[in-house]
Amino acid sequence: QVQLVESGGGLVQAGGSLRLSCAASGSGFSIGSMGWYRQPPGTQRELVATITSGGGPRYADSVKGRFTVSRDNAKNTVYLQMNSLKPADTAVYYCKVQVIKSGAIWTVNDYWGQGTQVTVSA
């Protein structure tokens, strides 16, 4: 059983910073890519940033230069450092983790965190 626990959301003024964390717990699996998505009010979920198992990051154009994604493989944790926040960054942020289970049959599945609210005031 894989569980994801997110933390770090909150209310911040424009120009401020927040750091999100998402930790995967359980046993019998390894982690592939990890990433962050967000869902602003009344819109669809969108990609924010992803990072491969080797550490290669990818960002949405809207957050490049302001957000940094990183991971700690020993802790099965992915982070999102958000700087220079804007009101347009207001959304529920979700982590997504690619879980790989080996055995007689290899399986690869995506797991989602419960979401954490980030609100940026003008």
N, C-alpha and C. Protein backbone atom coordinates (compact mmCIF):
# COMPACT_ATOMS: atom_id res chain seq x y z
N GLN A 1 0.83 -1.19 0.00
CA GLN A 1 0.00 0.00 0.00
C GLN A 1 0.87 1.24 0.00
N VAL A 2 0.59 2.15 -0.91
CA VAL A 2 1.36 3.38 -1.03
C VAL A 2 0.52 4.54 -0.53
N GLN A 3 1.10 5.35 0.32
CA GLN A 3 0.42 6.55 0.80
C GLN A 3 1.27 7.77 0.51
N LEU A 4 0.61 8.84 0.08
CA LEU A 4 1.29 10.11 -0.16
C LEU A 4 0.74 11.13 0.82
N VAL A 5 1.64 11.85 1.44
CA VAL A 5 1.23 12.90 2.39
C VAL A 5 1.87 14.20 1.97
N GLU A 6 1.01 15.18 1.68
CA GLU A 6 1.48 16.50 1.27
C GLU A 6 1.45 17.45 2.45
N SER A 7 2.33 18.43 2.40
CA SER A 7 2.33 19.48 3.42
C SER A 7 2.93 20.74 2.84
N GLY A 8 2.68 21.86 3.52
CA GLY A 8 3.36 23.09 3.17
C GLY A 8 2.51 24.17 2.53
N GLY A 9 1.26 23.90 2.24
CA GLY A 9 0.43 24.94 1.64
C GLY A 9 0.07 26.01 2.64
N GLY A 10 -0.63 27.04 2.16
CA GLY A 10 -1.05 28.09 3.06
C GLY A 10 -1.37 29.37 2.33
N LEU A 11 -1.48 30.44 3.11
CA LEU A 11 -1.79 31.77 2.59
C LEU A 11 -0.53 32.63 2.65
N VAL A 12 -0.25 33.29 1.54
CA VAL A 12 0.95 34.12 1.47
C VAL A 12 0.65 35.35 0.61
N GLN A 13 1.34 36.42 0.88
CA GLN A 13 1.17 37.62 0.05
C GLN A 13 1.96 37.50 -1.24
N ALA A 14 1.54 38.22 -2.24
CA ALA A 14 2.25 38.23 -3.51
C ALA A 14 3.71 38.60 -3.28
N GLY A 15 4.59 37.88 -3.96
CA GLY A 15 6.02 38.09 -3.78
C GLY A 15 6.64 37.18 -2.75
N GLY A 16 5.80 36.50 -1.98
CA GLY A 16 6.29 35.62 -0.94
C GLY A 16 6.68 34.25 -1.45
N SER A 17 7.01 33.37 -0.50
CA SER A 17 7.49 32.04 -0.84
C SER A 17 6.78 30.98 0.01
N LEU A 18 6.68 29.80 -0.56
CA LEU A 18 6.19 28.62 0.14
C LEU A 18 6.97 27.42 -0.36
N ARG A 19 7.06 26.40 0.49
CA ARG A 19 7.69 25.15 0.10
C ARG A 19 6.74 24.01 0.37
N LEU A 20 6.44 23.26 -0.68
CA LEU A 20 5.57 22.10 -0.56
C LEU A 20 6.41 20.83 -0.47
N SER A 21 5.89 19.86 0.28
CA SER A 21 6.54 18.56 0.38
C SER A 21 5.52 17.46 0.14
N CYS A 22 5.98 16.36 -0.40
CA CYS A 22 5.12 15.20 -0.62
C CYS A 22 5.96 13.96 -0.37
N ALA A 23 5.58 13.20 0.64
CA ALA A 23 6.33 12.01 1.02
C ALA A 23 5.52 10.75 0.72
N ALA A 24 6.17 9.80 0.08
CA ALA A 24 5.55 8.52 -0.21
C ALA A 24 6.00 7.50 0.82
N SER A 25 5.05 6.78 1.39
CA SER A 25 5.38 5.76 2.38
C SER A 25 4.80 4.42 1.97
N GLY A 26 5.37 3.37 2.52
CA GLY A 26 4.95 2.02 2.18
C GLY A 26 6.18 1.18 1.92
N SER A 27 5.97 0.00 1.39
CA SER A 27 7.09 -0.88 1.11
C SER A 27 6.82 -1.69 -0.15
N GLY A 28 7.89 -2.25 -0.66
CA GLY A 28 7.75 -3.13 -1.82
C GLY A 28 7.62 -2.41 -3.14
N PHE A 29 8.15 -1.20 -3.21
CA PHE A 29 8.06 -0.47 -4.47
C PHE A 29 9.26 0.45 -4.60
N SER A 30 9.45 0.94 -5.80
CA SER A 30 10.42 2.01 -6.06
C SER A 30 9.69 3.16 -6.74
N ILE A 31 10.35 4.29 -6.76
CA ILE A 31 9.73 5.50 -7.28
C ILE A 31 10.37 5.90 -8.60
N GLY A 32 9.54 6.21 -9.56
CA GLY A 32 10.03 6.73 -10.83
C GLY A 32 9.96 8.25 -10.82
N SER A 33 9.25 8.80 -11.77
CA SER A 33 9.14 10.25 -11.81
C SER A 33 8.22 10.76 -10.71
N MET A 34 8.45 11.99 -10.31
CA MET A 34 7.62 12.66 -9.30
C MET A 34 7.28 14.04 -9.83
N GLY A 35 6.17 14.58 -9.37
CA GLY A 35 5.84 15.90 -9.89
C GLY A 35 4.73 16.59 -9.14
N TRP A 36 4.48 17.81 -9.59
CA TRP A 36 3.46 18.64 -9.00
C TRP A 36 2.51 19.15 -10.07
N TYR A 37 1.26 19.14 -9.74
CA TYR A 37 0.21 19.68 -10.60
C TYR A 37 -0.63 20.63 -9.74
N ARG A 38 -1.40 21.48 -10.40
CA ARG A 38 -2.27 22.37 -9.65
C ARG A 38 -3.60 22.55 -10.37
N GLN A 39 -4.60 22.88 -9.58
CA GLN A 39 -5.92 23.09 -10.14
C GLN A 39 -6.47 24.40 -9.60
N PRO A 40 -6.38 25.46 -10.41
CA PRO A 40 -6.96 26.73 -9.99
C PRO A 40 -8.48 26.62 -9.94
N PRO A 41 -9.14 27.51 -9.24
CA PRO A 41 -10.61 27.44 -9.14
C PRO A 41 -11.28 27.47 -10.51
N GLY A 42 -12.16 26.53 -10.76
CA GLY A 42 -12.95 26.51 -11.98
C GLY A 42 -12.19 26.10 -13.23
N THR A 43 -11.00 25.54 -13.06
CA THR A 43 -10.24 25.13 -14.23
C THR A 43 -9.76 23.70 -14.07
N GLN A 44 -9.13 23.20 -15.12
CA GLN A 44 -8.63 21.83 -15.08
C GLN A 44 -7.26 21.76 -14.40
N ARG A 45 -6.90 20.58 -13.96
CA ARG A 45 -5.59 20.37 -13.36
C ARG A 45 -4.52 20.55 -14.43
N GLU A 46 -3.42 21.20 -14.05
CA GLU A 46 -2.35 21.48 -14.99
C GLU A 46 -1.00 21.13 -14.39
N LEU A 47 -0.07 20.83 -15.29
CA LEU A 47 1.29 20.51 -14.88
C LEU A 47 1.98 21.76 -14.33
N VAL A 48 2.71 21.57 -13.22
CA VAL A 48 3.56 22.64 -12.69
C VAL A 48 5.02 22.27 -12.92
N ALA A 49 5.43 21.11 -12.43
CA ALA A 49 6.82 20.70 -12.56
C ALA A 49 6.92 19.20 -12.32
N THR A 50 7.86 18.57 -13.00
CA THR A 50 8.14 17.16 -12.77
C THR A 50 9.64 16.97 -12.65
N ILE A 51 10.02 15.85 -12.07
CA ILE A 51 11.44 15.52 -11.94
C ILE A 51 11.59 14.02 -12.08
N THR A 52 12.54 13.61 -12.91
CA THR A 52 12.75 12.20 -13.16
C THR A 52 13.52 11.56 -12.00
N SER A 53 13.63 10.24 -12.04
CA SER A 53 14.37 9.54 -11.00
C SER A 53 15.84 9.94 -11.01
N GLY A 54 16.32 10.38 -12.16
CA GLY A 54 17.70 10.83 -12.26
C GLY A 54 17.89 12.30 -11.91
N GLY A 55 16.78 12.98 -11.63
CA GLY A 55 16.88 14.36 -11.17
C GLY A 55 16.63 15.41 -12.23
N GLY A 56 16.22 15.00 -13.43
CA GLY A 56 16.00 15.98 -14.49
C GLY A 56 14.66 16.68 -14.33
N PRO A 57 14.65 18.02 -14.16
CA PRO A 57 13.40 18.74 -13.95
C PRO A 57 12.77 19.24 -15.25
N ARG A 58 11.48 19.47 -15.17
CA ARG A 58 10.75 20.08 -16.28
C ARG A 58 9.70 20.98 -15.66
N TYR A 59 9.51 22.17 -16.25
CA TYR A 59 8.61 23.16 -15.67
C TYR A 59 7.60 23.68 -16.68
N ALA A 60 6.45 24.05 -16.18
CA ALA A 60 5.52 24.82 -16.99
C ALA A 60 6.11 26.20 -17.23
N ASP A 61 5.84 26.78 -18.39
CA ASP A 61 6.39 28.09 -18.71
C ASP A 61 6.01 29.14 -17.66
N SER A 62 4.84 29.00 -17.10
CA SER A 62 4.33 30.01 -16.17
C SER A 62 5.10 30.06 -14.85
N VAL A 63 5.87 29.02 -14.54
CA VAL A 63 6.58 29.00 -13.26
C VAL A 63 8.10 28.97 -13.42
N LYS A 64 8.59 28.90 -14.63
CA LYS A 64 10.03 28.86 -14.86
C LYS A 64 10.71 30.08 -14.25
N GLY A 65 11.81 29.82 -13.57
CA GLY A 65 12.55 30.91 -12.93
C GLY A 65 12.03 31.28 -11.56
N ARG A 66 10.86 30.78 -11.18
CA ARG A 66 10.29 31.10 -9.86
C ARG A 66 10.16 29.86 -8.97
N PHE A 67 9.86 28.73 -9.57
CA PHE A 67 9.66 27.49 -8.82
C PHE A 67 10.83 26.54 -9.06
N THR A 68 11.14 25.75 -8.05
CA THR A 68 12.18 24.73 -8.18
C THR A 68 11.66 23.42 -7.60
N VAL A 69 11.73 22.37 -8.42
CA VAL A 69 11.34 21.04 -7.98
C VAL A 69 12.60 20.26 -7.64
N SER A 70 12.54 19.49 -6.57
CA SER A 70 13.67 18.67 -6.16
C SER A 70 13.13 17.41 -5.48
N ARG A 71 14.02 16.46 -5.26
CA ARG A 71 13.60 15.22 -4.62
C ARG A 71 14.70 14.66 -3.75
N ASP A 72 14.29 13.92 -2.74
CA ASP A 72 15.21 13.19 -1.86
C ASP A 72 14.84 11.72 -2.02
N ASN A 73 15.62 11.00 -2.78
CA ASN A 73 15.29 9.61 -3.07
C ASN A 73 15.34 8.72 -1.83
N ALA A 74 16.20 9.05 -0.90
CA ALA A 74 16.30 8.25 0.33
C ALA A 74 15.03 8.37 1.16
N LYS A 75 14.33 9.50 1.02
CA LYS A 75 13.12 9.73 1.79
C LYS A 75 11.85 9.58 0.94
N ASN A 76 12.01 9.24 -0.33
CA ASN A 76 10.86 9.15 -1.24
C ASN A 76 10.00 10.41 -1.17
N THR A 77 10.68 11.54 -1.20
CA THR A 77 9.99 12.82 -1.02
C THR A 77 10.32 13.76 -2.17
N VAL A 78 9.31 14.47 -2.62
CA VAL A 78 9.48 15.49 -3.64
C VAL A 78 9.09 16.84 -3.03
N TYR A 79 9.82 17.87 -3.43
CA TYR A 79 9.60 19.21 -2.92
C TYR A 79 9.29 20.18 -4.06
N LEU A 80 8.61 21.24 -3.71
CA LEU A 80 8.40 22.33 -4.66
C LEU A 80 8.63 23.64 -3.92
N GLN A 81 9.74 24.28 -4.23
CA GLN A 81 10.04 25.59 -3.68
C GLN A 81 9.43 26.64 -4.59
N MET A 82 8.54 27.45 -4.04
CA MET A 82 7.82 28.44 -4.82
C MET A 82 8.20 29.83 -4.33
N ASN A 83 8.85 30.59 -5.20
CA ASN A 83 9.26 31.95 -4.89
C ASN A 83 8.52 32.94 -5.78
N SER A 84 8.56 34.20 -5.39
CA SER A 84 7.93 35.27 -6.17
C SER A 84 6.50 34.89 -6.55
N LEU A 85 5.76 34.43 -5.58
CA LEU A 85 4.40 33.96 -5.85
C LEU A 85 3.49 35.09 -6.31
N LYS A 86 2.57 34.71 -7.18
CA LYS A 86 1.61 35.65 -7.76
C LYS A 86 0.19 35.18 -7.43
N PRO A 87 -0.78 36.08 -7.45
CA PRO A 87 -2.16 35.65 -7.24
C PRO A 87 -2.59 34.56 -8.22
N ALA A 88 -2.04 34.59 -9.43
CA ALA A 88 -2.38 33.57 -10.43
C ALA A 88 -1.90 32.19 -10.04
N ASP A 89 -1.02 32.09 -9.04
CA ASP A 89 -0.55 30.78 -8.58
C ASP A 89 -1.52 30.14 -7.58
N THR A 90 -2.57 30.87 -7.21
CA THR A 90 -3.55 30.33 -6.28
C THR A 90 -4.21 29.10 -6.87
N ALA A 91 -4.17 28.00 -6.13
CA ALA A 91 -4.71 26.73 -6.62
C ALA A 91 -4.58 25.67 -5.53
N VAL A 92 -5.19 24.54 -5.78
CA VAL A 92 -4.90 23.35 -4.98
C VAL A 92 -3.76 22.62 -5.69
N TYR A 93 -2.71 22.35 -4.96
CA TYR A 93 -1.53 21.70 -5.53
C TYR A 93 -1.53 20.23 -5.15
N TYR A 94 -1.29 19.39 -6.16
CA TYR A 94 -1.28 17.95 -5.98
C TYR A 94 0.09 17.39 -6.40
N CYS A 95 0.60 16.46 -5.62
CA CYS A 95 1.78 15.75 -6.08
C CYS A 95 1.34 14.47 -6.77
N LYS A 96 2.16 14.04 -7.70
CA LYS A 96 1.93 12.78 -8.40
C LYS A 96 3.23 11.99 -8.39
N VAL A 97 3.13 10.73 -8.04
CA VAL A 97 4.31 9.88 -7.90
C VAL A 97 4.11 8.62 -8.74
N GLN A 98 5.11 8.29 -9.51
CA GLN A 98 5.08 7.07 -10.32
C GLN A 98 5.64 5.93 -9.47
N VAL A 99 4.82 4.94 -9.19
CA VAL A 99 5.21 3.83 -8.32
C VAL A 99 5.45 2.59 -9.16
N ILE A 100 6.62 1.99 -8.97
CA ILE A 100 7.02 0.82 -9.73
C ILE A 100 7.11 -0.38 -8.79
N LYS A 101 6.36 -1.41 -9.09
CA LYS A 101 6.39 -2.62 -8.27
C LYS A 101 6.90 -3.77 -9.13
N SER A 102 7.92 -4.44 -8.63
CA SER A 102 8.51 -5.54 -9.38
C SER A 102 8.04 -6.87 -8.80
N GLY A 103 8.08 -7.87 -9.63
CA GLY A 103 7.65 -9.18 -9.21
C GLY A 103 7.47 -10.04 -10.43
N ALA A 104 6.58 -11.00 -10.35
CA ALA A 104 6.31 -11.82 -11.51
C ALA A 104 5.83 -10.94 -12.67
N ILE A 105 5.12 -9.90 -12.31
CA ILE A 105 4.65 -8.91 -13.29
C ILE A 105 5.04 -7.53 -12.76
N TRP A 106 5.71 -6.77 -13.61
CA TRP A 106 6.05 -5.39 -13.22
C TRP A 106 4.84 -4.49 -13.46
N THR A 107 4.58 -3.61 -12.51
CA THR A 107 3.50 -2.66 -12.69
C THR A 107 4.01 -1.25 -12.44
N VAL A 108 3.45 -0.32 -13.18
CA VAL A 108 3.77 1.09 -13.01
C VAL A 108 2.45 1.84 -12.90
N ASN A 109 2.26 2.50 -11.78
CA ASN A 109 1.02 3.24 -11.55
C ASN A 109 1.32 4.61 -10.98
N ASP A 110 0.45 5.54 -11.28
CA ASP A 110 0.56 6.89 -10.72
C ASP A 110 -0.32 7.01 -9.48
N TYR A 111 0.24 7.61 -8.44
CA TYR A 111 -0.49 7.89 -7.21
C TYR A 111 -0.53 9.40 -7.01
N TRP A 112 -1.67 9.88 -6.51
CA TRP A 112 -1.86 11.30 -6.28
C TRP A 112 -1.95 11.61 -4.78
N GLY A 113 -1.39 12.75 -4.40
CA GLY A 113 -1.57 13.23 -3.04
C GLY A 113 -2.97 13.79 -2.85
N GLN A 114 -3.26 14.15 -1.61
CA GLN A 114 -4.60 14.60 -1.27
C GLN A 114 -4.86 16.05 -1.66
N GLY A 115 -3.80 16.77 -2.00
CA GLY A 115 -3.93 18.17 -2.39
C GLY A 115 -3.71 19.10 -1.22
N THR A 116 -3.08 20.22 -1.49
CA THR A 116 -2.87 21.24 -0.48
C THR A 116 -3.16 22.61 -1.09
N GLN A 117 -3.88 23.44 -0.36
CA GLN A 117 -4.31 24.72 -0.88
C GLN A 117 -3.19 25.75 -0.76
N VAL A 118 -2.93 26.44 -1.85
CA VAL A 118 -2.02 27.58 -1.86
C VAL A 118 -2.82 28.80 -2.29
N THR A 119 -2.84 29.81 -1.45
CA THR A 119 -3.56 31.04 -1.76
C THR A 119 -2.60 32.21 -1.68
N VAL A 120 -2.54 32.97 -2.78
CA VAL A 120 -1.65 34.13 -2.85
C VAL A 120 -2.51 35.38 -2.94
N SER A 121 -2.38 36.25 -1.96
CA SER A 121 -3.17 37.48 -1.95
C SER A 121 -2.39 38.62 -2.62
N ALA A 122 -3.15 39.51 -3.21
CA ALA A 122 -2.52 40.63 -3.93
C ALA A 122 -1.95 41.67 -2.97
